[in-house]
N, C-alpha and C. Protein backbone atom coordinates (compact mmCIF):
# COMPACT_ATOMS: atom_id res chain seq x y z
N ARG A 1 0.97 -1.02 -0.14
CA ARG A 1 -0.28 -0.12 0.18
C ARG A 1 0.88 1.31 -0.06
N VAL A 2 0.53 1.86 -0.49
CA VAL A 2 1.22 3.41 -0.64
C VAL A 2 0.89 4.26 0.37
N LYS A 3 1.88 5.05 0.89
CA LYS A 3 1.85 5.81 1.92
C LYS A 3 0.48 6.36 1.97
N GLY A 4 -0.40 6.90 2.91
CA GLY A 4 -2.01 7.29 3.00
C GLY A 4 -3.00 6.86 2.52
N LYS A 5 -3.25 5.49 1.80
CA LYS A 5 -3.75 4.66 1.02
C LYS A 5 -4.00 3.84 1.63
N ASN A 6 -5.49 3.03 2.06
CA ASN A 6 -6.06 1.48 2.46
C ASN A 6 -5.79 0.68 1.36
N GLU A 7 -6.15 1.12 -0.05
CA GLU A 7 -5.87 -0.14 -0.83
C GLU A 7 -4.74 -0.52 -1.72
N PRO A 8 -4.10 -1.69 -1.67
CA PRO A 8 -3.18 -1.86 -1.99
C PRO A 8 -2.76 -1.71 -3.67
N MET A 9 -1.80 -1.29 -4.01
CA MET A 9 -1.37 -0.88 -5.92
C MET A 9 -0.82 -2.45 -6.03
N PRO A 10 -1.43 -2.57 -6.85
CA PRO A 10 -0.26 -3.98 -8.04
C PRO A 10 0.84 -2.94 -7.94
N ILE A 11 2.01 -3.48 -8.52
CA ILE A 11 3.37 -3.20 -8.93
C ILE A 11 3.81 -4.01 -10.19
N PHE A 12 4.35 -4.00 -11.08
CA PHE A 12 4.28 -4.72 -11.74
C PHE A 12 5.93 -4.76 -12.28
N GLU A 13 6.78 -5.73 -12.79
CA GLU A 13 8.25 -5.68 -13.66
C GLU A 13 7.61 -5.88 -14.88
N LEU A 14 8.39 -5.18 -15.96
CA LEU A 14 8.28 -5.53 -17.27
C LEU A 14 9.34 -6.42 -17.46
N MET A 15 9.34 -7.29 -17.89
CA MET A 15 10.61 -8.53 -18.15
C MET A 15 10.46 -8.54 -19.48
N GLY A 16 9.57 -8.27 -20.58
CA GLY A 16 9.43 -9.07 -22.04
C GLY A 16 8.26 -9.65 -22.55
N HIS A 17 8.88 -10.22 -23.27
CA HIS A 17 7.21 -11.52 -23.83
C HIS A 17 7.28 -12.63 -23.24
N ALA A 18 5.97 -13.28 -23.34
CA ALA A 18 5.74 -14.99 -22.51
C ALA A 18 6.73 -15.67 -22.96
N GLU A 19 7.11 -15.60 -24.13
CA GLU A 19 8.21 -16.51 -24.58
C GLU A 19 9.34 -16.26 -24.37
N LEU A 20 9.78 -15.33 -22.72
CA LEU A 20 10.96 -15.28 -22.52
C LEU A 20 11.02 -16.35 -21.52
N ARG A 21 9.68 -17.44 -21.11
CA ARG A 21 9.79 -18.58 -19.84
C ARG A 21 10.86 -19.27 -20.50
N ASP A 22 11.42 -19.16 -21.53
CA ASP A 22 12.06 -20.61 -21.65
C ASP A 22 13.68 -19.93 -21.45
N THR A 23 13.89 -19.18 -21.10
CA THR A 23 15.23 -18.23 -21.12
C THR A 23 15.72 -17.46 -19.52
N GLU A 24 17.04 -16.79 -19.28
CA GLU A 24 17.41 -16.56 -17.95
C GLU A 24 16.82 -15.98 -17.71
N THR A 25 15.61 -15.01 -18.09
CA THR A 25 14.63 -13.87 -17.73
C THR A 25 13.40 -14.86 -17.56
N GLY A 26 13.71 -15.72 -18.10
CA GLY A 26 11.92 -16.89 -18.03
C GLY A 26 12.55 -17.30 -16.53
N TRP A 27 13.51 -17.78 -16.08
CA TRP A 27 13.91 -18.67 -14.71
C TRP A 27 13.81 -18.01 -14.09
N LEU A 28 14.59 -16.78 -13.70
CA LEU A 28 14.64 -15.58 -12.95
C LEU A 28 12.89 -15.14 -12.68
N ALA A 29 12.24 -14.88 -13.56
CA ALA A 29 10.54 -14.60 -13.14
C ALA A 29 9.95 -15.72 -12.01
N THR A 30 10.17 -17.16 -12.84
CA THR A 30 9.65 -18.52 -12.01
C THR A 30 10.35 -18.51 -10.87
N ARG A 31 11.68 -18.17 -10.40
CA ARG A 31 12.13 -18.29 -9.48
C ARG A 31 11.23 -17.16 -8.60
N PHE A 32 11.19 -15.90 -8.87
CA PHE A 32 10.82 -14.91 -8.02
C PHE A 32 9.72 -15.25 -7.66
N GLU A 33 8.26 -15.59 -8.56
CA GLU A 33 7.27 -16.06 -8.17
C GLU A 33 7.11 -16.69 -7.15
N GLU A 34 7.87 -18.16 -6.89
CA GLU A 34 8.23 -19.12 -5.66
C GLU A 34 8.33 -18.28 -4.44
N ALA A 35 9.69 -17.22 -4.76
CA ALA A 35 9.73 -16.40 -3.25
C ALA A 35 9.00 -15.62 -2.76
N PHE A 36 8.30 -15.17 -3.88
CA PHE A 36 7.27 -14.27 -3.33
C PHE A 36 5.85 -14.99 -2.57
N ARG A 37 5.13 -16.06 -3.35
CA ARG A 37 4.62 -17.22 -2.53
C ARG A 37 5.21 -17.04 -1.60
N LEU A 38 6.21 -17.90 -1.18
CA LEU A 38 6.49 -18.09 0.15
C LEU A 38 6.82 -16.94 1.26
N TYR A 39 7.30 -15.61 0.56
CA TYR A 39 6.92 -14.70 1.47
C TYR A 39 5.67 -14.47 1.65
N ARG A 40 4.74 -14.32 1.16
CA ARG A 40 3.35 -13.74 1.46
C ARG A 40 2.73 -14.92 2.91
N LEU A 41 3.45 -15.95 2.86
CA LEU A 41 3.08 -17.24 3.63
C LEU A 41 3.83 -17.16 4.71
N GLN A 42 4.81 -15.87 4.52
CA GLN A 42 5.46 -15.73 6.39
C GLN A 42 7.05 -16.75 6.36
N ARG A 43 7.06 -17.36 5.04
CA ARG A 43 8.22 -18.27 5.19
C ARG A 43 9.80 -17.52 4.84
N TRP A 44 10.03 -17.02 5.56
CA TRP A 44 11.12 -15.90 5.10
C TRP A 44 11.97 -16.84 4.86
N GLN A 45 12.36 -18.34 5.58
CA GLN A 45 13.68 -18.59 5.06
C GLN A 45 13.94 -18.83 4.09
N GLN A 46 12.92 -19.56 3.42
CA GLN A 46 12.69 -19.99 2.28
C GLN A 46 12.27 -19.26 0.99
N ALA A 47 11.76 -18.22 1.28
CA ALA A 47 11.78 -16.90 0.13
C ALA A 47 13.31 -16.54 0.56
N GLU A 48 14.35 -15.93 1.60
CA GLU A 48 15.07 -15.81 1.37
C GLU A 48 16.34 -16.29 0.67
N ALA A 49 16.46 -17.66 0.60
CA ALA A 49 17.15 -18.33 0.12
C ALA A 49 17.15 -18.50 -1.31
N ILE A 50 15.93 -18.21 -1.83
CA ILE A 50 16.03 -18.13 -3.35
C ILE A 50 16.16 -16.65 -3.70
N LEU A 51 15.48 -16.19 -2.87
CA LEU A 51 16.02 -14.45 -3.34
C LEU A 51 17.55 -14.45 -3.27
N LEU A 52 18.57 -15.06 -2.49
CA LEU A 52 19.69 -14.82 -2.28
C LEU A 52 20.46 -16.10 -3.63
N GLU A 53 19.91 -16.76 -3.85
CA GLU A 53 19.90 -17.64 -5.32
C GLU A 53 19.89 -16.30 -6.38
N LEU A 54 18.98 -16.07 -6.50
CA LEU A 54 18.35 -15.00 -7.79
C LEU A 54 19.73 -13.81 -7.70
N LEU A 55 19.89 -13.30 -6.59
CA LEU A 55 20.71 -12.49 -6.76
C LEU A 55 22.74 -12.95 -7.04
N ALA A 56 22.54 -13.75 -6.81
CA ALA A 56 23.58 -14.44 -7.36
C ALA A 56 24.10 -14.27 -8.50
N ARG A 57 23.06 -14.41 -9.20
CA ARG A 57 23.08 -14.41 -10.70
C ARG A 57 22.05 -13.31 -11.27
N PHE A 58 21.83 -12.38 -10.77
CA PHE A 58 21.41 -10.92 -11.03
C PHE A 58 21.32 -9.97 -9.70
N PRO A 59 22.80 -9.72 -10.13
CA PRO A 59 22.97 -8.83 -8.67
C PRO A 59 22.63 -7.69 -8.84
N GLU A 60 22.03 -7.08 -9.89
CA GLU A 60 21.14 -5.65 -9.62
C GLU A 60 19.98 -5.67 -9.83
N ASP A 61 19.28 -6.98 -8.95
CA ASP A 61 17.99 -7.11 -9.20
C ASP A 61 16.92 -6.01 -8.07
N GLY A 62 16.43 -4.88 -8.53
CA GLY A 62 16.11 -4.50 -7.47
C GLY A 62 14.56 -4.82 -6.74
N PRO A 63 13.67 -5.76 -7.67
CA PRO A 63 12.74 -6.54 -6.55
C PRO A 63 13.43 -7.56 -5.69
N CYS A 64 14.91 -7.98 -5.78
CA CYS A 64 15.34 -9.21 -5.25
C CYS A 64 15.43 -8.42 -3.66
N LYS A 65 16.40 -7.52 -3.83
CA LYS A 65 17.17 -6.64 -3.01
C LYS A 65 15.52 -6.23 -1.98
N ALA A 66 14.20 -5.65 -2.66
CA ALA A 66 13.57 -4.99 -1.35
C ALA A 66 13.22 -6.07 -1.24
N TYR A 67 12.87 -7.22 -1.52
CA TYR A 67 11.99 -8.05 -0.63
C TYR A 67 13.07 -8.50 0.07
N LEU A 68 14.26 -8.95 0.19
CA LEU A 68 14.73 -9.15 1.28
C LEU A 68 15.34 -8.31 2.18
N GLU A 69 15.22 -6.91 1.76
CA GLU A 69 15.01 -6.27 3.02
C GLU A 69 13.93 -6.19 3.74
N ARG A 70 12.46 -6.47 3.52
CA ARG A 70 11.14 -6.38 3.65
C ARG A 70 11.04 -7.64 4.82
N ILE A 71 11.79 -8.72 4.38
CA ILE A 71 12.21 -9.93 5.47
C ILE A 71 12.95 -9.44 6.39
N GLY A 72 13.85 -9.38 6.41
CA GLY A 72 14.64 -8.75 7.25
C GLY A 72 13.95 -7.76 8.53
N GLN A 73 13.04 -6.80 7.96
CA GLN A 73 12.72 -5.81 8.77
C GLN A 73 11.45 -6.51 9.02
N TYR A 74 10.47 -7.45 8.66
CA TYR A 74 10.04 -8.63 9.31
C TYR A 74 10.19 -9.58 10.32
N ARG A 75 11.60 -9.83 9.90
CA ARG A 75 12.19 -10.86 10.94
C ARG A 75 12.24 -10.28 12.79
N ILE A 76 12.69 -8.76 12.20
CA ILE A 76 12.93 -7.67 13.72
C ILE A 76 11.80 -7.49 14.24
N ASN A 77 10.65 -6.98 12.99
CA ASN A 77 9.44 -6.65 13.67
C ASN A 77 8.42 -7.53 12.54
N PRO A 78 7.75 -8.73 13.21
CA PRO A 78 6.69 -9.24 12.88
C PRO A 78 5.67 -8.54 12.28
N PRO A 79 4.71 -8.99 10.88
CA PRO A 79 3.77 -8.56 10.88
C PRO A 79 2.45 -8.84 11.89
N PRO A 80 1.65 -8.02 11.86
CA PRO A 80 0.20 -8.65 12.62
C PRO A 80 -0.30 -9.94 12.13
N VAL A 81 -0.79 -10.94 13.25
CA VAL A 81 -1.26 -12.10 12.40
C VAL A 81 -2.14 -12.05 11.83
N ASP A 82 -3.18 -11.41 11.50
CA ASP A 82 -3.74 -10.73 10.29
C ASP A 82 -3.53 -10.17 8.76
N TRP A 83 -2.56 -10.44 8.90
CA TRP A 83 -1.05 -9.85 8.08
C TRP A 83 -1.76 -10.41 6.20
N ASP A 84 -1.81 -9.52 5.22
CA ASP A 84 -2.31 -9.61 4.25
C ASP A 84 -1.61 -9.99 2.88
N GLY A 85 -0.44 -10.08 3.39
CA GLY A 85 1.16 -10.29 2.69
C GLY A 85 1.20 -8.66 1.72
N VAL A 86 0.39 -7.78 2.31
CA VAL A 86 0.69 -7.02 1.57
C VAL A 86 1.84 -6.03 2.30
N TYR A 87 2.54 -5.07 1.77
CA TYR A 87 3.78 -4.26 2.45
C TYR A 87 3.14 -2.98 2.11
N VAL A 88 2.99 -2.26 3.65
CA VAL A 88 2.70 -0.79 3.84
C VAL A 88 3.54 0.26 3.57
N ALA A 89 4.15 0.71 2.31
CA ALA A 89 5.15 1.52 2.57
C ALA A 89 4.92 2.78 3.67
N GLN A 90 6.45 3.27 4.27
CA GLN A 90 5.99 3.75 5.23
C GLN A 90 6.38 5.51 4.84
N SER A 91 6.84 5.91 3.43
CA SER A 91 7.17 6.77 2.67
C SER A 91 6.81 7.02 1.33
N LYS A 92 6.29 8.29 0.95
CA LYS A 92 6.34 8.56 -0.36
C LYS A 92 7.53 8.23 -1.38
């Protein structure tokens, strides 16, 4: 959710056409989807392992870096029990 709003806003990363699923970019997208699924389930260790694997091959990937940072924050300050998996931005 962006600061000051109640409804979550989807964010997309443009990566190319669906035909890329059989490429390195496709592998990145598939693995990130799995990490994101685990993140939403609060399975931090498993999500983190995949994100670190991705960063080893794609060290400049911003979404992987962002989710690793969020996992680190949630380990210190866990989300509420009724967390819906949506990150709440604290600044604009």
